[in-house]
Amino acid sequence: AQQGAEGERIALLAVSDADARELHWFLGGSYLGRVKRGAPLWWTPRPGRFVVRVVDDSGRAASQELRVEAAVR
């Protein structure tokens, strides 16, 4: 995670085939954005359970369940 002006951020990063040019990121049913292959997508987390999905420009996809908990300070 990285501390930024918006607060803590998480780098979403996927390993893809060499022929992929772009990766499209989704959180549940919401589109988060696209990045070039090998680049992270920075996401500002909020508490909850999510399914993170990444799809390359050839339609290959992967998904992972993610649970975010608020830190007690």
Protein backbone atom coordinates (compact mmCIF):
# COMPACT_ATOMS: atom_id res chain seq x y z
CA ALA A 1 0.00 0.00 0.00
CA GLN A 2 1.05 3.57 -0.54
CA GLN A 3 0.11 6.66 1.44
CA GLY A 4 -1.12 9.48 -0.78
CA ALA A 5 -3.16 12.66 -0.59
CA GLU A 6 -6.38 10.62 -0.78
CA GLY A 7 -5.23 8.24 1.94
CA GLU A 8 -3.91 4.73 1.66
CA ARG A 9 -3.94 3.15 -1.79
CA ILE A 10 -3.50 -0.43 -2.99
CA ALA A 11 -1.65 -1.34 -6.18
CA LEU A 12 -3.62 -3.82 -8.26
CA LEU A 13 -1.17 -5.64 -10.51
CA ALA A 14 -1.60 -8.66 -12.78
CA VAL A 15 0.82 -10.79 -14.74
CA SER A 16 -0.39 -11.19 -18.32
CA ASP A 17 0.69 -12.82 -21.55
CA ALA A 18 3.22 -10.87 -23.62
CA ASP A 19 0.68 -10.19 -26.38
CA ALA A 20 -1.65 -8.27 -24.03
CA ARG A 21 -1.40 -4.49 -24.38
CA GLU A 22 -3.96 -3.27 -21.84
CA LEU A 23 -5.61 -4.59 -18.71
CA HIS A 24 -9.10 -3.55 -17.63
CA TRP A 25 -9.89 -3.68 -13.90
CA PHE A 26 -13.30 -4.21 -12.29
CA LEU A 27 -14.47 -4.21 -8.68
CA GLY A 28 -17.73 -6.12 -8.43
CA GLY A 29 -19.81 -4.66 -11.25
CA SER A 30 -17.91 -1.35 -11.36
CA TYR A 31 -15.23 -0.48 -13.89
CA LEU A 32 -12.10 0.85 -12.16
CA GLY A 33 -10.02 1.68 -15.21
CA ARG A 34 -7.39 0.45 -17.62
CA VAL A 35 -3.62 0.33 -17.54
CA LYS A 36 -0.85 -0.78 -19.85
CA ARG A 37 0.42 -4.32 -19.30
CA GLY A 38 2.87 -4.40 -16.38
CA ALA A 39 1.59 -1.16 -14.79
CA PRO A 40 -0.36 -1.08 -11.51
CA LEU A 41 -3.82 0.37 -11.11
CA TRP A 42 -3.96 2.33 -7.85
CA TRP A 43 -7.19 1.85 -5.88
CA THR A 44 -8.27 3.66 -2.72
CA PRO A 45 -9.84 0.89 -0.62
CA ARG A 46 -12.94 0.98 1.55
CA PRO A 47 -14.01 -1.67 4.06
CA GLY A 48 -15.92 -4.62 2.67
CA ARG A 49 -15.69 -7.80 0.61
CA PHE A 50 -15.13 -7.45 -3.11
CA VAL A 51 -14.40 -9.50 -6.20
CA VAL A 52 -11.57 -7.90 -8.16
CA ARG A 53 -11.46 -8.90 -11.83
CA VAL A 54 -8.93 -8.13 -14.53
CA VAL A 55 -9.48 -8.67 -18.26
CA ASP A 56 -6.86 -8.21 -20.97
CA ASP A 57 -7.56 -6.88 -24.46
CA SER A 58 -7.84 -10.47 -25.77
CA GLY A 59 -10.62 -11.31 -23.31
CA ARG A 60 -8.54 -13.44 -20.92
CA ALA A 61 -9.64 -12.85 -17.35
CA ALA A 62 -8.83 -13.62 -13.74
CA SER A 63 -10.61 -12.76 -10.52
CA GLN A 64 -9.86 -12.79 -6.81
CA GLU A 65 -11.95 -12.17 -3.73
CA LEU A 66 -10.62 -9.35 -1.57
CA ARG A 67 -11.55 -8.39 1.99
CA VAL A 68 -10.69 -4.94 3.31
CA GLU A 69 -10.89 -4.15 7.01
CA ALA A 70 -10.57 -0.74 8.61
CA ALA A 71 -7.47 -0.35 10.77
CA VAL A 72 -8.05 0.43 14.44
CA ARG A 73 -5.97 3.42 15.48
